[in-house]
Amino acid sequence: MSLRRFFISAPVFLFIYLAQEAFVTQLRLPAGGFNLLLIVALIWAALSTPEIGALTGFGAGIMMDLSQSAPGPLGHWTLVLIIACYAIAFLGYGDDNIRGNPINIVLLTTIGVVAAQAVFLLLGLMLGQEIGSIQHVLYLLAGSAFWTAIISPLILKVISYIHALIFGLRSQL
């Protein structure tokens, strides 16, 4: 992968981060809402190679760690997103049935968001953070899955187009 292409994609994620911090966190949606940066990072990883997926997870994870609304120590989200984005990219890499079908990408992204948040919670427990009741956690994870399944198809075409502009037409939907 060209380092130039990675740096060209950085303003895209910076814009998404600013939209997340300025607009999405202000929304009071039922069942906890959604994390736009997490959704975009996982869609980007699903369209990429595993190496690009891991780098995407690193960049998006650092941005999520720097967020004012992010609980936990610095590096917590970075570790989770490196693992999640690499796994999503690895599952989608080489299988054009996953990359070519938007429903598969939305499903993979929704499962990835819930899995990433569950891993974040488990690592938080290991680090001594308090997470609340199991019922509340399951409610928030179900709400996050619901909102991710709603938002992902709306932004998938735009993210796919931007990804194709930067990395080539092979991964375009």
N, C-alpha and C. Protein backbone atom coordinates (compact mmCIF):
# COMPACT_ATOMS: atom_id res chain seq x y z
N MET A 1 0.83 -1.17 0.00
CA MET A 1 0.00 0.00 0.00
C MET A 1 0.88 1.24 0.00
N SER A 2 0.49 2.19 -0.76
CA SER A 2 1.22 3.44 -0.82
C SER A 2 0.88 4.30 0.39
N LEU A 3 1.91 4.83 1.01
CA LEU A 3 1.69 5.70 2.16
C LEU A 3 0.95 6.97 1.73
N ARG A 4 1.16 7.36 0.50
CA ARG A 4 0.48 8.54 -0.04
C ARG A 4 -1.04 8.35 0.00
N ARG A 5 -1.51 7.19 -0.40
CA ARG A 5 -2.95 6.92 -0.40
C ARG A 5 -3.52 6.92 1.01
N PHE A 6 -2.73 6.41 1.94
CA PHE A 6 -3.19 6.42 3.34
C PHE A 6 -3.34 7.85 3.84
N PHE A 7 -2.39 8.71 3.50
CA PHE A 7 -2.48 10.10 3.95
C PHE A 7 -3.56 10.87 3.21
N ILE A 8 -3.89 10.47 1.99
CA ILE A 8 -5.00 11.10 1.28
C ILE A 8 -6.32 10.76 1.95
N SER A 9 -6.42 9.57 2.52
CA SER A 9 -7.66 9.18 3.20
C SER A 9 -7.80 9.80 4.59
N ALA A 10 -6.74 10.36 5.13
CA ALA A 10 -6.80 10.96 6.47
C ALA A 10 -7.80 12.11 6.57
N PRO A 11 -7.89 13.03 5.60
CA PRO A 11 -8.90 14.09 5.72
C PRO A 11 -10.34 13.57 5.72
N VAL A 12 -10.57 12.45 5.05
CA VAL A 12 -11.91 11.85 5.07
C VAL A 12 -12.28 11.46 6.49
N PHE A 13 -11.37 10.79 7.18
CA PHE A 13 -11.64 10.36 8.55
C PHE A 13 -11.66 11.54 9.52
N LEU A 14 -10.86 12.55 9.25
CA LEU A 14 -10.91 13.75 10.09
C LEU A 14 -12.26 14.44 9.96
N PHE A 15 -12.80 14.51 8.74
CA PHE A 15 -14.12 15.10 8.54
C PHE A 15 -15.20 14.28 9.26
N ILE A 16 -15.11 12.95 9.17
CA ILE A 16 -16.08 12.08 9.85
C ILE A 16 -15.96 12.25 11.36
N TYR A 17 -14.73 12.37 11.86
CA TYR A 17 -14.52 12.58 13.30
C TYR A 17 -15.15 13.89 13.75
N LEU A 18 -14.95 14.95 12.97
CA LEU A 18 -15.54 16.24 13.33
C LEU A 18 -17.06 16.19 13.26
N ALA A 19 -17.62 15.50 12.27
CA ALA A 19 -19.07 15.34 12.19
C ALA A 19 -19.59 14.55 13.39
N GLN A 20 -18.86 13.53 13.79
CA GLN A 20 -19.25 12.74 14.96
C GLN A 20 -19.26 13.59 16.22
N GLU A 21 -18.19 14.34 16.42
CA GLU A 21 -18.08 15.14 17.65
C GLU A 21 -19.03 16.34 17.67
N ALA A 22 -19.23 16.97 16.53
CA ALA A 22 -20.04 18.19 16.50
C ALA A 22 -21.53 17.92 16.35
N PHE A 23 -21.90 16.84 15.68
CA PHE A 23 -23.31 16.64 15.36
C PHE A 23 -23.89 15.36 15.97
N VAL A 24 -23.27 14.23 15.72
CA VAL A 24 -23.87 12.95 16.10
C VAL A 24 -23.94 12.79 17.62
N THR A 25 -22.93 13.24 18.35
CA THR A 25 -22.98 13.10 19.80
C THR A 25 -24.04 14.00 20.43
N GLN A 26 -24.50 15.00 19.71
CA GLN A 26 -25.54 15.88 20.23
C GLN A 26 -26.94 15.31 20.06
N LEU A 27 -27.08 14.29 19.21
CA LEU A 27 -28.39 13.67 18.99
C LEU A 27 -28.76 12.82 20.20
N ARG A 28 -30.00 12.91 20.59
CA ARG A 28 -30.50 12.08 21.70
C ARG A 28 -31.41 11.01 21.11
N LEU A 29 -30.79 9.97 20.60
CA LEU A 29 -31.54 8.88 19.98
C LEU A 29 -31.85 7.80 21.01
N PRO A 30 -32.98 7.14 20.86
CA PRO A 30 -33.28 6.05 21.80
C PRO A 30 -32.31 4.89 21.63
N ALA A 31 -32.10 4.16 22.69
CA ALA A 31 -31.25 2.97 22.72
C ALA A 31 -29.78 3.28 22.46
N GLY A 32 -29.34 4.47 22.79
CA GLY A 32 -27.92 4.77 22.76
C GLY A 32 -27.37 5.39 21.49
N GLY A 33 -28.04 5.27 20.37
CA GLY A 33 -27.58 5.90 19.15
C GLY A 33 -26.50 5.10 18.45
N PHE A 34 -25.63 5.80 17.70
CA PHE A 34 -24.61 5.14 16.88
C PHE A 34 -23.33 5.95 16.92
N ASN A 35 -22.25 5.31 16.46
CA ASN A 35 -20.95 5.95 16.37
C ASN A 35 -20.56 5.98 14.90
N LEU A 36 -20.64 7.14 14.30
CA LEU A 36 -20.40 7.30 12.87
C LEU A 36 -18.97 6.93 12.48
N LEU A 37 -18.01 7.31 13.29
CA LEU A 37 -16.61 7.00 12.98
C LEU A 37 -16.36 5.49 12.99
N LEU A 38 -16.96 4.79 13.92
CA LEU A 38 -16.81 3.34 13.99
C LEU A 38 -17.45 2.67 12.77
N ILE A 39 -18.62 3.14 12.37
CA ILE A 39 -19.30 2.58 11.20
C ILE A 39 -18.48 2.81 9.93
N VAL A 40 -18.00 4.04 9.74
CA VAL A 40 -17.22 4.36 8.54
C VAL A 40 -15.91 3.57 8.51
N ALA A 41 -15.25 3.45 9.66
CA ALA A 41 -13.99 2.70 9.70
C ALA A 41 -14.21 1.23 9.33
N LEU A 42 -15.30 0.64 9.80
CA LEU A 42 -15.55 -0.76 9.48
C LEU A 42 -15.98 -0.95 8.03
N ILE A 43 -16.75 -0.02 7.48
CA ILE A 43 -17.09 -0.10 6.05
C ILE A 43 -15.83 0.05 5.22
N TRP A 44 -14.97 1.00 5.58
CA TRP A 44 -13.71 1.22 4.86
C TRP A 44 -12.85 -0.04 4.92
N ALA A 45 -12.81 -0.67 6.09
CA ALA A 45 -12.02 -1.89 6.24
C ALA A 45 -12.60 -3.04 5.42
N ALA A 46 -13.92 -3.12 5.33
CA ALA A 46 -14.56 -4.19 4.56
C ALA A 46 -14.24 -4.07 3.07
N LEU A 47 -13.96 -2.87 2.61
CA LEU A 47 -13.63 -2.64 1.21
C LEU A 47 -12.13 -2.73 0.93
N SER A 48 -11.32 -2.94 1.96
CA SER A 48 -9.86 -2.84 1.85
C SER A 48 -9.18 -4.18 2.06
N THR A 49 -7.85 -4.14 1.90
CA THR A 49 -7.02 -5.29 2.24
C THR A 49 -6.82 -5.31 3.76
N PRO A 50 -6.38 -6.44 4.33
CA PRO A 50 -6.16 -6.47 5.78
C PRO A 50 -5.15 -5.44 6.29
N GLU A 51 -4.11 -5.14 5.49
CA GLU A 51 -3.13 -4.15 5.93
C GLU A 51 -3.75 -2.76 6.02
N ILE A 52 -4.52 -2.40 5.01
CA ILE A 52 -5.20 -1.10 5.03
C ILE A 52 -6.24 -1.09 6.14
N GLY A 53 -6.90 -2.21 6.36
CA GLY A 53 -7.87 -2.31 7.45
C GLY A 53 -7.24 -2.05 8.80
N ALA A 54 -6.06 -2.63 9.04
CA ALA A 54 -5.38 -2.41 10.32
C ALA A 54 -4.94 -0.96 10.47
N LEU A 55 -4.43 -0.35 9.39
CA LEU A 55 -4.04 1.06 9.46
C LEU A 55 -5.26 1.96 9.66
N THR A 56 -6.37 1.60 9.03
CA THR A 56 -7.61 2.35 9.23
C THR A 56 -8.05 2.26 10.68
N GLY A 57 -7.97 1.06 11.24
CA GLY A 57 -8.32 0.88 12.65
C GLY A 57 -7.43 1.68 13.57
N PHE A 58 -6.14 1.75 13.23
CA PHE A 58 -5.22 2.53 14.05
C PHE A 58 -5.58 4.02 14.03
N GLY A 59 -5.79 4.56 12.83
CA GLY A 59 -6.12 5.98 12.72
C GLY A 59 -7.46 6.32 13.35
N ALA A 60 -8.48 5.52 13.07
CA ALA A 60 -9.80 5.78 13.65
C ALA A 60 -9.79 5.55 15.16
N GLY A 61 -9.01 4.58 15.62
CA GLY A 61 -8.92 4.32 17.05
C GLY A 61 -8.29 5.47 17.82
N ILE A 62 -7.25 6.06 17.24
CA ILE A 62 -6.64 7.22 17.90
C ILE A 62 -7.63 8.38 17.97
N MET A 63 -8.37 8.59 16.88
CA MET A 63 -9.38 9.66 16.91
C MET A 63 -10.45 9.38 17.96
N MET A 64 -10.89 8.13 18.08
CA MET A 64 -11.90 7.81 19.08
C MET A 64 -11.35 7.93 20.49
N ASP A 65 -10.07 7.62 20.68
CA ASP A 65 -9.46 7.80 21.99
C ASP A 65 -9.37 9.27 22.37
N LEU A 66 -9.18 10.14 21.38
CA LEU A 66 -9.08 11.57 21.66
C LEU A 66 -10.44 12.25 21.81
N SER A 67 -11.50 11.51 21.56
CA SER A 67 -12.84 12.05 21.69
C SER A 67 -13.14 12.38 23.15
N GLN A 68 -13.88 13.46 23.36
CA GLN A 68 -14.24 13.85 24.72
C GLN A 68 -15.25 12.89 25.34
N SER A 69 -16.01 12.22 24.51
CA SER A 69 -17.04 11.32 25.03
C SER A 69 -16.55 9.89 25.21
N ALA A 70 -15.28 9.62 24.92
CA ALA A 70 -14.76 8.26 25.02
C ALA A 70 -14.28 7.97 26.44
N PRO A 71 -14.84 6.94 27.05
CA PRO A 71 -14.34 6.55 28.37
C PRO A 71 -13.11 5.67 28.23
N GLY A 72 -12.38 5.53 29.29
CA GLY A 72 -11.27 4.59 29.28
C GLY A 72 -9.93 5.25 29.01
N PRO A 73 -8.88 4.46 29.15
CA PRO A 73 -7.53 4.98 28.95
C PRO A 73 -7.21 5.19 27.47
N LEU A 74 -6.20 5.99 27.23
CA LEU A 74 -5.74 6.25 25.86
C LEU A 74 -5.16 4.96 25.28
N GLY A 75 -5.60 4.61 24.11
CA GLY A 75 -5.15 3.40 23.46
C GLY A 75 -6.14 2.26 23.52
N HIS A 76 -7.17 2.41 24.33
CA HIS A 76 -8.18 1.37 24.48
C HIS A 76 -8.96 1.17 23.18
N TRP A 77 -9.50 2.26 22.63
CA TRP A 77 -10.22 2.16 21.36
C TRP A 77 -9.28 1.83 20.22
N THR A 78 -8.05 2.28 20.30
CA THR A 78 -7.09 1.98 19.23
C THR A 78 -6.85 0.48 19.12
N LEU A 79 -6.64 -0.17 20.23
CA LEU A 79 -6.44 -1.62 20.22
C LEU A 79 -7.67 -2.33 19.67
N VAL A 80 -8.85 -1.94 20.14
CA VAL A 80 -10.08 -2.59 19.71
C VAL A 80 -10.30 -2.40 18.21
N LEU A 81 -10.07 -1.20 17.71
CA LEU A 81 -10.32 -0.94 16.29
C LEU A 81 -9.27 -1.55 15.37
N ILE A 82 -8.05 -1.67 15.82
CA ILE A 82 -7.06 -2.38 15.00
C ILE A 82 -7.50 -3.83 14.82
N ILE A 83 -7.92 -4.46 15.90
CA ILE A 83 -8.37 -5.86 15.82
C ILE A 83 -9.64 -5.97 14.98
N ALA A 84 -10.61 -5.10 15.22
CA ALA A 84 -11.90 -5.19 14.52
C ALA A 84 -11.75 -4.90 13.02
N CYS A 85 -11.03 -3.85 12.68
CA CYS A 85 -10.88 -3.50 11.26
C CYS A 85 -10.05 -4.54 10.52
N TYR A 86 -9.02 -5.07 11.17
CA TYR A 86 -8.24 -6.13 10.53
C TYR A 86 -9.11 -7.37 10.31
N ALA A 87 -9.90 -7.73 11.30
CA ALA A 87 -10.76 -8.92 11.17
C ALA A 87 -11.80 -8.74 10.07
N ILE A 88 -12.42 -7.57 10.00
CA ILE A 88 -13.43 -7.30 8.97
C ILE A 88 -12.77 -7.32 7.59
N ALA A 89 -11.60 -6.70 7.46
CA ALA A 89 -10.90 -6.69 6.17
C ALA A 89 -10.44 -8.10 5.78
N PHE A 90 -10.01 -8.88 6.76
CA PHE A 90 -9.57 -10.24 6.48
C PHE A 90 -10.74 -11.10 6.02
N LEU A 91 -11.90 -10.93 6.64
CA LEU A 91 -13.08 -11.70 6.23
C LEU A 91 -13.55 -11.32 4.83
N GLY A 92 -13.45 -10.04 4.49
CA GLY A 92 -13.91 -9.59 3.19
C GLY A 92 -12.90 -9.69 2.08
N TYR A 93 -11.61 -9.83 2.43
CA TYR A 93 -10.56 -9.82 1.42
C TYR A 93 -10.56 -11.13 0.64
N GLY A 94 -10.52 -11.03 -0.66
CA GLY A 94 -10.45 -12.20 -1.50
C GLY A 94 -11.79 -12.82 -1.83
N ASP A 95 -12.85 -12.38 -1.18
CA ASP A 95 -14.18 -12.92 -1.47
C ASP A 95 -15.02 -11.80 -2.08
N ASP A 96 -15.13 -11.84 -3.40
CA ASP A 96 -15.88 -10.79 -4.08
C ASP A 96 -17.37 -10.86 -3.81
N ASN A 97 -17.85 -11.99 -3.28
CA ASN A 97 -19.26 -12.07 -2.90
C ASN A 97 -19.58 -11.12 -1.75
N ILE A 98 -18.63 -10.95 -0.85
CA ILE A 98 -18.84 -10.03 0.27
C ILE A 98 -18.67 -8.59 -0.20
N ARG A 99 -17.62 -8.33 -0.95
CA ARG A 99 -17.36 -6.95 -1.40
C ARG A 99 -18.37 -6.47 -2.42
N GLY A 100 -18.90 -7.36 -3.22
CA GLY A 100 -19.80 -6.97 -4.30
C GLY A 100 -21.25 -6.81 -3.89
N ASN A 101 -21.60 -7.27 -2.71
CA ASN A 101 -22.98 -7.22 -2.26
C ASN A 101 -23.12 -6.26 -1.09
N PRO A 102 -23.84 -5.17 -1.26
CA PRO A 102 -23.97 -4.19 -0.17
C PRO A 102 -24.64 -4.75 1.08
N ILE A 103 -25.54 -5.71 0.91
CA ILE A 103 -26.21 -6.29 2.08
C ILE A 103 -25.20 -7.02 2.95
N ASN A 104 -24.26 -7.71 2.32
CA ASN A 104 -23.22 -8.40 3.09
C ASN A 104 -22.33 -7.42 3.84
N ILE A 105 -22.01 -6.30 3.21
CA ILE A 105 -21.17 -5.30 3.87
C ILE A 105 -21.92 -4.68 5.05
N VAL A 106 -23.20 -4.39 4.88
CA VAL A 106 -24.00 -3.84 5.99
C VAL A 106 -24.08 -4.84 7.13
N LEU A 107 -24.31 -6.11 6.82
CA LEU A 107 -24.38 -7.14 7.85
C LEU A 107 -23.03 -7.30 8.56
N LEU A 108 -21.95 -7.33 7.79
CA LEU A 108 -20.61 -7.44 8.36
C LEU A 108 -20.28 -6.23 9.24
N THR A 109 -20.69 -5.06 8.79
CA THR A 109 -20.45 -3.84 9.58
C THR A 109 -21.25 -3.85 10.87
N THR A 110 -22.50 -4.25 10.80
CA THR A 110 -23.35 -4.29 12.00
C THR A 110 -22.80 -5.28 13.02
N ILE A 111 -22.43 -6.45 12.56
CA ILE A 111 -21.84 -7.44 13.47
C ILE A 111 -20.50 -6.93 14.02
N GLY A 112 -19.72 -6.27 13.17
CA GLY A 112 -18.44 -5.73 13.60
C GLY A 112 -18.57 -4.64 14.65
N VAL A 113 -19.59 -3.78 14.51
CA VAL A 113 -19.80 -2.71 15.50
C VAL A 113 -20.16 -3.31 16.86
N VAL A 114 -21.07 -4.27 16.86
CA VAL A 114 -21.47 -4.90 18.12
C VAL A 114 -20.30 -5.67 18.73
N ALA A 115 -19.55 -6.39 17.90
CA ALA A 115 -18.40 -7.14 18.41
C ALA A 115 -17.32 -6.20 18.95
N ALA A 116 -17.07 -5.09 18.26
CA ALA A 116 -16.06 -4.13 18.73
C ALA A 116 -16.47 -3.52 20.06
N GLN A 117 -17.74 -3.18 20.20
CA GLN A 117 -18.20 -2.61 21.46
C GLN A 117 -18.17 -3.64 22.58
N ALA A 118 -18.48 -4.90 22.26
CA ALA A 118 -18.41 -5.95 23.28
C ALA A 118 -16.96 -6.18 23.72
N VAL A 119 -16.03 -6.19 22.78
CA VAL A 119 -14.61 -6.34 23.13
C VAL A 119 -14.14 -5.14 23.94
N PHE A 120 -14.61 -3.94 23.58
CA PHE A 120 -14.26 -2.75 24.35
C PHE A 120 -14.75 -2.89 25.80
N LEU A 121 -15.96 -3.39 25.97
CA LEU A 121 -16.48 -3.59 27.32
C LEU A 121 -15.69 -4.63 28.10
N LEU A 122 -15.36 -5.74 27.44
CA LEU A 122 -14.60 -6.79 28.13
C LEU A 122 -13.20 -6.31 28.51
N LEU A 123 -12.54 -5.59 27.61
CA LEU A 123 -11.22 -5.03 27.96
C LEU A 123 -11.35 -3.98 29.05
N GLY A 124 -12.44 -3.21 29.03
CA GLY A 124 -12.67 -2.24 30.09
C GLY A 124 -12.85 -2.91 31.44
N LEU A 125 -13.56 -4.03 31.47
CA LEU A 125 -13.69 -4.78 32.72
C LEU A 125 -12.34 -5.27 33.21
N MET A 126 -11.50 -5.72 32.29
CA MET A 126 -10.16 -6.19 32.68
C MET A 126 -9.30 -5.05 33.21
N LEU A 127 -9.58 -3.83 32.73
CA LEU A 127 -8.81 -2.67 33.19
C LEU A 127 -9.42 -2.01 34.42
N GLY A 128 -10.54 -2.56 34.92
CA GLY A 128 -11.12 -2.06 36.15
C GLY A 128 -12.19 -1.00 35.99
N GLN A 129 -12.71 -0.82 34.80
CA GLN A 129 -13.78 0.15 34.61
C GLN A 129 -15.11 -0.46 35.01
N GLU A 130 -16.04 0.39 35.40
CA GLU A 130 -17.39 -0.07 35.71
C GLU A 130 -18.26 0.12 34.49
N ILE A 131 -19.07 -0.88 34.18
CA ILE A 131 -19.87 -0.81 32.96
C ILE A 131 -21.37 -0.75 33.21
N GLY A 132 -21.83 -0.99 34.41
CA GLY A 132 -23.26 -0.95 34.69
C GLY A 132 -23.86 -2.35 34.65
N SER A 133 -25.19 -2.39 34.63
CA SER A 133 -25.88 -3.68 34.68
C SER A 133 -25.81 -4.38 33.32
N ILE A 134 -25.93 -5.68 33.36
CA ILE A 134 -25.91 -6.49 32.13
C ILE A 134 -27.10 -6.14 31.25
N GLN A 135 -28.26 -5.91 31.86
CA GLN A 135 -29.46 -5.57 31.10
C GLN A 135 -29.26 -4.26 30.33
N HIS A 136 -28.68 -3.27 30.97
CA HIS A 136 -28.44 -1.99 30.32
C HIS A 136 -27.41 -2.12 29.19
N VAL A 137 -26.37 -2.91 29.42
CA VAL A 137 -25.35 -3.13 28.40
C VAL A 137 -25.94 -3.82 27.18
N LEU A 138 -26.75 -4.86 27.40
CA LEU A 138 -27.39 -5.56 26.28
C LEU A 138 -28.36 -4.66 25.54
N TYR A 139 -29.05 -3.79 26.26
CA TYR A 139 -29.96 -2.83 25.64
C TYR A 139 -29.19 -1.86 24.73
N LEU A 140 -28.06 -1.36 25.21
CA LEU A 140 -27.24 -0.45 24.41
C LEU A 140 -26.61 -1.14 23.20
N LEU A 141 -26.18 -2.39 23.36
CA LEU A 141 -25.62 -3.13 22.23
C LEU A 141 -26.69 -3.41 21.17
N ALA A 142 -27.90 -3.76 21.61
CA ALA A 142 -28.99 -3.98 20.65
C ALA A 142 -29.37 -2.68 19.95
N GLY A 143 -29.39 -1.58 20.69
CA GLY A 143 -29.68 -0.28 20.08
C GLY A 143 -28.60 0.14 19.10
N SER A 144 -27.36 -0.14 19.43
CA SER A 144 -26.26 0.18 18.52
C SER A 144 -26.36 -0.65 17.25
N ALA A 145 -26.72 -1.92 17.37
CA ALA A 145 -26.90 -2.76 16.19
C ALA A 145 -28.05 -2.24 15.33
N PHE A 146 -29.13 -1.82 15.96
CA PHE A 146 -30.28 -1.28 15.22
C PHE A 146 -29.89 -0.03 14.45
N TRP A 147 -29.25 0.94 15.12
CA TRP A 147 -28.90 2.19 14.46
C TRP A 147 -27.82 1.98 13.41
N THR A 148 -26.91 1.05 13.63
CA THR A 148 -25.89 0.76 12.62
C THR A 148 -26.53 0.17 11.37
N ALA A 149 -27.50 -0.72 11.57
CA ALA A 149 -28.20 -1.31 10.42
C ALA A 149 -29.01 -0.27 9.66
N ILE A 150 -29.43 0.80 10.32
CA ILE A 150 -30.17 1.88 9.66
C ILE A 150 -29.21 2.83 8.93
N ILE A 151 -28.11 3.21 9.57
CA ILE A 151 -27.20 4.22 9.03
C ILE A 151 -26.28 3.66 7.95
N SER A 152 -25.82 2.43 8.10
CA SER A 152 -24.84 1.86 7.17
C SER A 152 -25.26 1.90 5.71
N PRO A 153 -26.48 1.48 5.35
CA PRO A 153 -26.85 1.55 3.93
C PRO A 153 -26.91 2.97 3.39
N LEU A 154 -27.18 3.93 4.27
CA LEU A 154 -27.29 5.32 3.82
C LEU A 154 -25.93 5.91 3.43
N ILE A 155 -24.87 5.48 4.10
CA ILE A 155 -23.55 6.05 3.82
C ILE A 155 -22.65 5.11 3.03
N LEU A 156 -23.10 3.88 2.78
CA LEU A 156 -22.25 2.89 2.12
C LEU A 156 -21.83 3.32 0.72
N LYS A 157 -22.73 3.85 -0.06
CA LYS A 157 -22.40 4.23 -1.44
C LYS A 157 -21.39 5.37 -1.48
N VAL A 158 -21.54 6.33 -0.58
CA VAL A 158 -20.61 7.46 -0.53
C VAL A 158 -19.22 6.99 -0.11
N ILE A 159 -19.15 6.16 0.93
CA ILE A 159 -17.87 5.65 1.40
C ILE A 159 -17.22 4.78 0.33
N SER A 160 -18.01 3.97 -0.35
CA SER A 160 -17.49 3.13 -1.42
C SER A 160 -16.92 3.97 -2.56
N TYR A 161 -17.61 5.06 -2.90
CA TYR A 161 -17.14 5.94 -3.97
C TYR A 161 -15.83 6.63 -3.58
N ILE A 162 -15.74 7.14 -2.36
CA ILE A 162 -14.51 7.79 -1.89
C ILE A 162 -13.37 6.78 -1.83
N HIS A 163 -13.66 5.58 -1.35
CA HIS A 163 -12.64 4.53 -1.28
C HIS A 163 -12.13 4.18 -2.67
N ALA A 164 -13.04 4.11 -3.64
CA ALA A 164 -12.64 3.80 -5.02
C ALA A 164 -11.81 4.93 -5.63
N LEU A 165 -12.11 6.17 -5.28
CA LEU A 165 -11.31 7.29 -5.78
C LEU A 165 -9.87 7.22 -5.26
N ILE A 166 -9.72 6.82 -4.02
CA ILE A 166 -8.40 6.81 -3.40
C ILE A 166 -7.61 5.55 -3.75
N PHE A 167 -8.25 4.39 -3.67
CA PHE A 167 -7.53 3.13 -3.80
C PHE A 167 -7.73 2.41 -5.13
N GLY A 168 -8.57 2.91 -6.00
CA GLY A 168 -8.80 2.25 -7.28
C GLY A 168 -10.21 1.68 -7.36
N LEU A 169 -10.58 1.26 -8.55
CA LEU A 169 -11.96 0.85 -8.80
C LEU A 169 -12.24 -0.61 -8.45
N ARG A 170 -11.28 -1.36 -8.03
CA ARG A 170 -11.49 -2.78 -7.75
C ARG A 170 -12.52 -3.01 -6.66
N SER A 171 -12.60 -2.14 -5.67
CA SER A 171 -13.47 -2.37 -4.53
C SER A 171 -14.79 -1.61 -4.61
N GLN A 172 -15.05 -0.96 -5.72
CA GLN A 172 -16.27 -0.16 -5.81
C GLN A 172 -17.50 -1.06 -5.92
N LEU A 173 -18.57 -0.66 -5.24
CA LEU A 173 -19.83 -1.41 -5.30
C LEU A 173 -20.56 -1.10 -6.57
